[in-house]
């Protein structure tokens, strides 16, 4: 009887650890991109992503590194140092922000100018989340490539 109890605890423990390891498959989807400000020297962007956790346990994004391309040109890059807790089978909006100086990226200005007024633009991204679990942290890369609505304010 004692050995059966020990086997049950061991199986439960293995299942528990396996669930923790499986948080790798978070799904990221673009929701919107907004140009916050357009001045003579820079453009400020906000990109909203939705993170979906299809697992049966909560996931914590400890850090998120990103590079976002606008119409094929590198637009913004950075890292979020904010933790995002995503409940099991839950969704969480993540906001990425940054700016581009036109003097540094003249080709991007051409892409933005040619896209001005379009309702949909091509945005690609490389997202590298760091997921925190009970057994440690791990990272992986997600690549997105979508045509999304752009709100010109």
C-alpha atoms as a PDB file:
ATOM      1  CA  UNK A   1       0.000   0.000   0.000  1.00  0.00           C
ATOM      2  CA  UNK A   2       2.844   2.349   0.858  1.00  0.00           C
ATOM      3  CA  UNK A   3       4.516   1.707  -2.507  1.00  0.00           C
ATOM      4  CA  UNK A   4       1.265   2.484  -4.360  1.00  0.00           C
ATOM      5  CA  UNK A   5       1.019   5.773  -2.497  1.00  0.00           C
ATOM      6  CA  UNK A   6       4.640   6.580  -3.373  1.00  0.00           C
ATOM      7  CA  UNK A   7       4.018   5.741  -7.048  1.00  0.00           C
ATOM      8  CA  UNK A   8       0.945   8.019  -7.103  1.00  0.00           C
ATOM      9  CA  UNK A   9       2.937  10.876  -5.606  1.00  0.00           C
ATOM     10  CA  UNK A  10       5.745  10.303  -8.108  1.00  0.00           C
ATOM     11  CA  UNK A  11       3.317  10.240 -11.060  1.00  0.00           C
ATOM     12  CA  UNK A  12       1.578  13.377  -9.825  1.00  0.00           C
ATOM     13  CA  UNK A  13       4.958  15.077  -9.399  1.00  0.00           C
ATOM     14  CA  UNK A  14       6.060  14.136 -12.930  1.00  0.00           C
ATOM     15  CA  UNK A  15       2.779  15.397 -14.356  1.00  0.00           C
ATOM     16  CA  UNK A  16       3.164  18.638 -12.396  1.00  0.00           C
ATOM     17  CA  UNK A  17       6.699  19.179 -13.742  1.00  0.00           C
ATOM     18  CA  UNK A  18       5.627  18.299 -17.306  1.00  0.00           C
ATOM     19  CA  UNK A  19       2.909  20.963 -17.146  1.00  0.00           C
ATOM     20  CA  UNK A  20       5.509  23.507 -16.016  1.00  0.00           C
ATOM     21  CA  UNK A  21       7.798  22.627 -18.905  1.00  0.00           C
ATOM     22  CA  UNK A  22       4.948  22.890 -21.440  1.00  0.00           C
ATOM     23  CA  UNK A  23       4.390  26.652 -20.995  1.00  0.00           C
ATOM     24  CA  UNK A  24       6.701  27.109 -23.947  1.00  0.00           C
ATOM     25  CA  UNK A  25       3.803  27.129 -26.372  1.00  0.00           C
ATOM     26  CA  UNK A  26       2.391  30.587 -25.575  1.00  0.00           C
ATOM     27  CA  UNK A  27       0.780  32.086 -28.671  1.00  0.00           C
ATOM     28  CA  UNK A  28       1.301  35.708 -29.705  1.00  0.00           C
ATOM     29  CA  UNK A  29      -0.998  37.623 -32.054  1.00  0.00           C
ATOM     30  CA  UNK A  30      -0.920  41.213 -33.294  1.00  0.00           C
ATOM     31  CA  UNK A  31      -3.920  43.219 -32.212  1.00  0.00           C
ATOM     32  CA  UNK A  32      -3.056  46.749 -33.326  1.00  0.00           C
ATOM     33  CA  UNK A  33      -0.358  49.232 -34.176  1.00  0.00           C
ATOM     34  CA  UNK A  34      -0.641  52.936 -33.580  1.00  0.00           C
ATOM     35  CA  UNK A  35       1.521  55.818 -34.619  1.00  0.00           C
ATOM     36  CA  UNK A  36       1.401  57.979 -31.517  1.00  0.00           C
ATOM     37  CA  UNK A  37       3.248  60.984 -32.855  1.00  0.00           C
ATOM     38  CA  UNK A  38       4.740  62.018 -36.152  1.00  0.00           C
ATOM     39  CA  UNK A  39       7.146  64.942 -35.918  1.00  0.00           C
ATOM     40  CA  UNK A  40       9.858  66.335 -38.151  1.00  0.00           C
ATOM     41  CA  UNK A  41      12.530  64.121 -36.609  1.00  0.00           C
ATOM     42  CA  UNK A  42      10.814  61.005 -35.269  1.00  0.00           C
ATOM     43  CA  UNK A  43       7.857  58.705 -35.255  1.00  0.00           C
ATOM     44  CA  UNK A  44       6.554  57.078 -32.077  1.00  0.00           C
ATOM     45  CA  UNK A  45       4.946  53.635 -32.352  1.00  0.00           C
ATOM     46  CA  UNK A  46       2.808  51.508 -30.084  1.00  0.00           C
ATOM     47  CA  UNK A  47       2.313  47.848 -31.036  1.00  0.00           C
ATOM     48  CA  UNK A  48      -0.199  45.777 -29.072  1.00  0.00           C
ATOM     49  CA  UNK A  49       0.223  42.014 -28.918  1.00  0.00           C
ATOM     50  CA  UNK A  50      -2.066  39.503 -27.324  1.00  0.00           C
ATOM     51  CA  UNK A  51      -0.419  36.609 -25.506  1.00  0.00           C
ATOM     52  CA  UNK A  52      -2.504  33.470 -25.132  1.00  0.00           C
ATOM     53  CA  UNK A  53      -1.663  30.713 -22.667  1.00  0.00           C
ATOM     54  CA  UNK A  54      -3.239  27.437 -23.869  1.00  0.00           C
ATOM     55  CA  UNK A  55      -1.864  25.519 -20.893  1.00  0.00           C
ATOM     56  CA  UNK A  56      -3.597  24.307 -17.764  1.00  0.00           C
ATOM     57  CA  UNK A  57      -1.227  26.269 -15.542  1.00  0.00           C
ATOM     58  CA  UNK A  58      -0.440  29.966 -15.229  1.00  0.00           C
ATOM     59  CA  UNK A  59       2.570  31.323 -17.112  1.00  0.00           C
ATOM     60  CA  UNK A  60       4.719  34.304 -16.215  1.00  0.00           C
ATOM     61  CA  UNK A  61       6.598  36.222 -18.886  1.00  0.00           C
ATOM     62  CA  UNK A  62       9.549  37.552 -16.927  1.00  0.00           C
ATOM     63  CA  UNK A  63      11.073  39.487 -19.820  1.00  0.00           C
ATOM     64  CA  UNK A  64      10.241  40.037 -23.477  1.00  0.00           C
ATOM     65  CA  UNK A  65      12.810  41.134 -26.075  1.00  0.00           C
ATOM     66  CA  UNK A  66      11.438  42.282 -29.406  1.00  0.00           C
ATOM     67  CA  UNK A  67      12.298  43.641 -32.831  1.00  0.00           C
ATOM     68  CA  UNK A  68       9.432  44.957 -34.948  1.00  0.00           C
ATOM     69  CA  UNK A  69       9.713  45.608 -38.683  1.00  0.00           C
ATOM     70  CA  UNK A  70       7.380  48.021 -40.491  1.00  0.00           C
ATOM     71  CA  UNK A  71       6.961  47.276 -44.206  1.00  0.00           C
ATOM     72  CA  UNK A  72      10.279  45.374 -44.093  1.00  0.00           C
ATOM     73  CA  UNK A  73      12.303  48.042 -42.287  1.00  0.00           C
ATOM     74  CA  UNK A  74      13.492  47.701 -38.706  1.00  0.00           C
ATOM     75  CA  UNK A  75      11.224  49.994 -36.744  1.00  0.00           C
ATOM     76  CA  UNK A  76      11.425  49.441 -33.008  1.00  0.00           C
ATOM     77  CA  UNK A  77      13.299  47.143 -30.714  1.00  0.00           C
ATOM     78  CA  UNK A  78      13.606  46.810 -27.014  1.00  0.00           C
ATOM     79  CA  UNK A  79      12.793  44.824 -23.931  1.00  0.00           C
ATOM     80  CA  UNK A  80      10.002  44.872 -21.433  1.00  0.00           C
ATOM     81  CA  UNK A  81      11.174  44.532 -17.879  1.00  0.00           C
ATOM     82  CA  UNK A  82       7.637  44.092 -16.645  1.00  0.00           C
ATOM     83  CA  UNK A  83       6.244  40.732 -15.592  1.00  0.00           C
ATOM     84  CA  UNK A  84       3.092  39.548 -17.319  1.00  0.00           C
ATOM     85  CA  UNK A  85       1.142  36.797 -15.599  1.00  0.00           C
ATOM     86  CA  UNK A  86      -1.130  34.944 -17.971  1.00  0.00           C
ATOM     87  CA  UNK A  87      -3.677  32.713 -16.318  1.00  0.00           C
ATOM     88  CA  UNK A  88      -4.275  29.172 -17.540  1.00  0.00           C
ATOM     89  CA  UNK A  89      -6.194  29.350 -20.834  1.00  0.00           C
ATOM     90  CA  UNK A  90      -6.088  33.124 -20.479  1.00  0.00           C
ATOM     91  CA  UNK A  91      -5.111  36.105 -22.588  1.00  0.00           C
ATOM     92  CA  UNK A  92      -3.102  39.221 -21.774  1.00  0.00           C
ATOM     93  CA  UNK A  93      -2.458  42.363 -23.825  1.00  0.00           C
ATOM     94  CA  UNK A  94       1.203  43.354 -24.071  1.00  0.00           C
ATOM     95  CA  UNK A  95       2.195  46.819 -25.288  1.00  0.00           C
ATOM     96  CA  UNK A  96       5.490  47.390 -27.087  1.00  0.00           C
ATOM     97  CA  UNK A  97       6.590  50.968 -27.671  1.00  0.00           C
ATOM     98  CA  UNK A  98       9.454  52.772 -29.274  1.00  0.00           C
ATOM     99  CA  UNK A  99      10.481  55.494 -31.648  1.00  0.00           C
ATOM    100  CA  UNK A 100      12.526  55.921 -34.790  1.00  0.00           C
ATOM    101  CA  UNK A 101      14.607  58.928 -35.708  1.00  0.00           C
ATOM    102  CA  UNK A 102      14.178  59.657 -39.404  1.00  0.00           C
ATOM    103  CA  UNK A 103      17.822  60.738 -39.661  1.00  0.00           C
ATOM    104  CA  UNK A 104      18.912  57.246 -38.617  1.00  0.00           C
ATOM    105  CA  UNK A 105      16.589  55.334 -40.930  1.00  0.00           C
ATOM    106  CA  UNK A 106      15.829  57.203 -44.160  1.00  0.00           C
ATOM    107  CA  UNK A 107      14.474  54.070 -45.859  1.00  0.00           C
ATOM    108  CA  UNK A 108      11.916  53.640 -43.094  1.00  0.00           C
ATOM    109  CA  UNK A 109      10.666  57.163 -43.731  1.00  0.00           C
ATOM    110  CA  UNK A 110      10.040  56.168 -47.358  1.00  0.00           C
ATOM    111  CA  UNK A 111       8.095  53.100 -46.212  1.00  0.00           C
ATOM    112  CA  UNK A 112       5.996  55.156 -43.805  1.00  0.00           C
ATOM    113  CA  UNK A 113       5.399  57.864 -46.391  1.00  0.00           C
ATOM    114  CA  UNK A 114       4.314  55.314 -48.998  1.00  0.00           C
ATOM    115  CA  UNK A 115       2.033  53.666 -46.416  1.00  0.00           C
ATOM    116  CA  UNK A 116       0.471  56.864 -45.099  1.00  0.00           C
ATOM    117  CA  UNK A 117      -3.289  56.558 -45.092  1.00  0.00           C
ATOM    118  CA  UNK A 118      -3.337  52.818 -45.796  1.00  0.00           C
ATOM    119  CA  UNK A 119      -5.646  50.920 -43.519  1.00  0.00           C
ATOM    120  CA  UNK A 120      -3.416  47.806 -43.391  1.00  0.00           C
ATOM    121  CA  UNK A 121       0.366  47.496 -43.332  1.00  0.00           C
ATOM    122  CA  UNK A 122       2.812  44.603 -43.104  1.00  0.00           C
ATOM    123  CA  UNK A 123       4.391  44.211 -39.708  1.00  0.00           C
ATOM    124  CA  UNK A 124       6.810  41.452 -38.856  1.00  0.00           C
ATOM    125  CA  UNK A 125       8.403  40.788 -35.513  1.00  0.00           C
ATOM    126  CA  UNK A 126      10.787  38.571 -33.648  1.00  0.00           C
ATOM    127  CA  UNK A 127       9.679  38.132 -30.068  1.00  0.00           C
ATOM    128  CA  UNK A 128      11.818  36.375 -27.491  1.00  0.00           C
ATOM    129  CA  UNK A 129       9.935  35.807 -24.235  1.00  0.00           C
ATOM    130  CA  UNK A 130      11.597  34.560 -21.081  1.00  0.00           C
ATOM    131  CA  UNK A 131       9.165  32.278 -19.284  1.00  0.00           C
ATOM    132  CA  UNK A 132       9.463  31.719 -15.553  1.00  0.00           C
ATOM    133  CA  UNK A 133       8.382  28.355 -14.156  1.00  0.00           C
ATOM    134  CA  UNK A 134       8.791  26.467 -10.927  1.00  0.00           C
ATOM    135  CA  UNK A 135      11.801  24.621 -12.376  1.00  0.00           C
ATOM    136  CA  UNK A 136      13.552  27.657 -13.822  1.00  0.00           C
ATOM    137  CA  UNK A 137      13.490  30.102 -16.710  1.00  0.00           C
ATOM    138  CA  UNK A 138      13.669  29.385 -20.417  1.00  0.00           C
ATOM    139  CA  UNK A 139      13.539  31.396 -23.648  1.00  0.00           C
ATOM    140  CA  UNK A 140      12.400  30.772 -27.181  1.00  0.00           C
ATOM    141  CA  UNK A 141      11.771  32.839 -30.321  1.00  0.00           C
ATOM    142  CA  UNK A 142       8.424  33.562 -31.954  1.00  0.00           C
ATOM    143  CA  UNK A 143       8.221  35.082 -35.438  1.00  0.00           C
ATOM    144  CA  UNK A 144       5.132  36.958 -36.572  1.00  0.00           C
ATOM    145  CA  UNK A 145       4.335  38.201 -40.071  1.00  0.00           C
ATOM    146  CA  UNK A 146       0.954  39.807 -40.599  1.00  0.00           C
ATOM    147  CA  UNK A 147      -0.892  42.575 -42.332  1.00  0.00           C
ATOM    148  CA  UNK A 148      -2.546  44.536 -39.586  1.00  0.00           C
ATOM    149  CA  UNK A 149      -4.768  47.591 -39.274  1.00  0.00           C
ATOM    150  CA  UNK A 150      -2.875  50.803 -38.594  1.00  0.00           C
ATOM    151  CA  UNK A 151      -4.496  53.712 -36.785  1.00  0.00           C
ATOM    152  CA  UNK A 152      -3.068  57.031 -38.026  1.00  0.00           C
ATOM    153  CA  UNK A 153      -3.772  59.567 -35.283  1.00  0.00           C
END
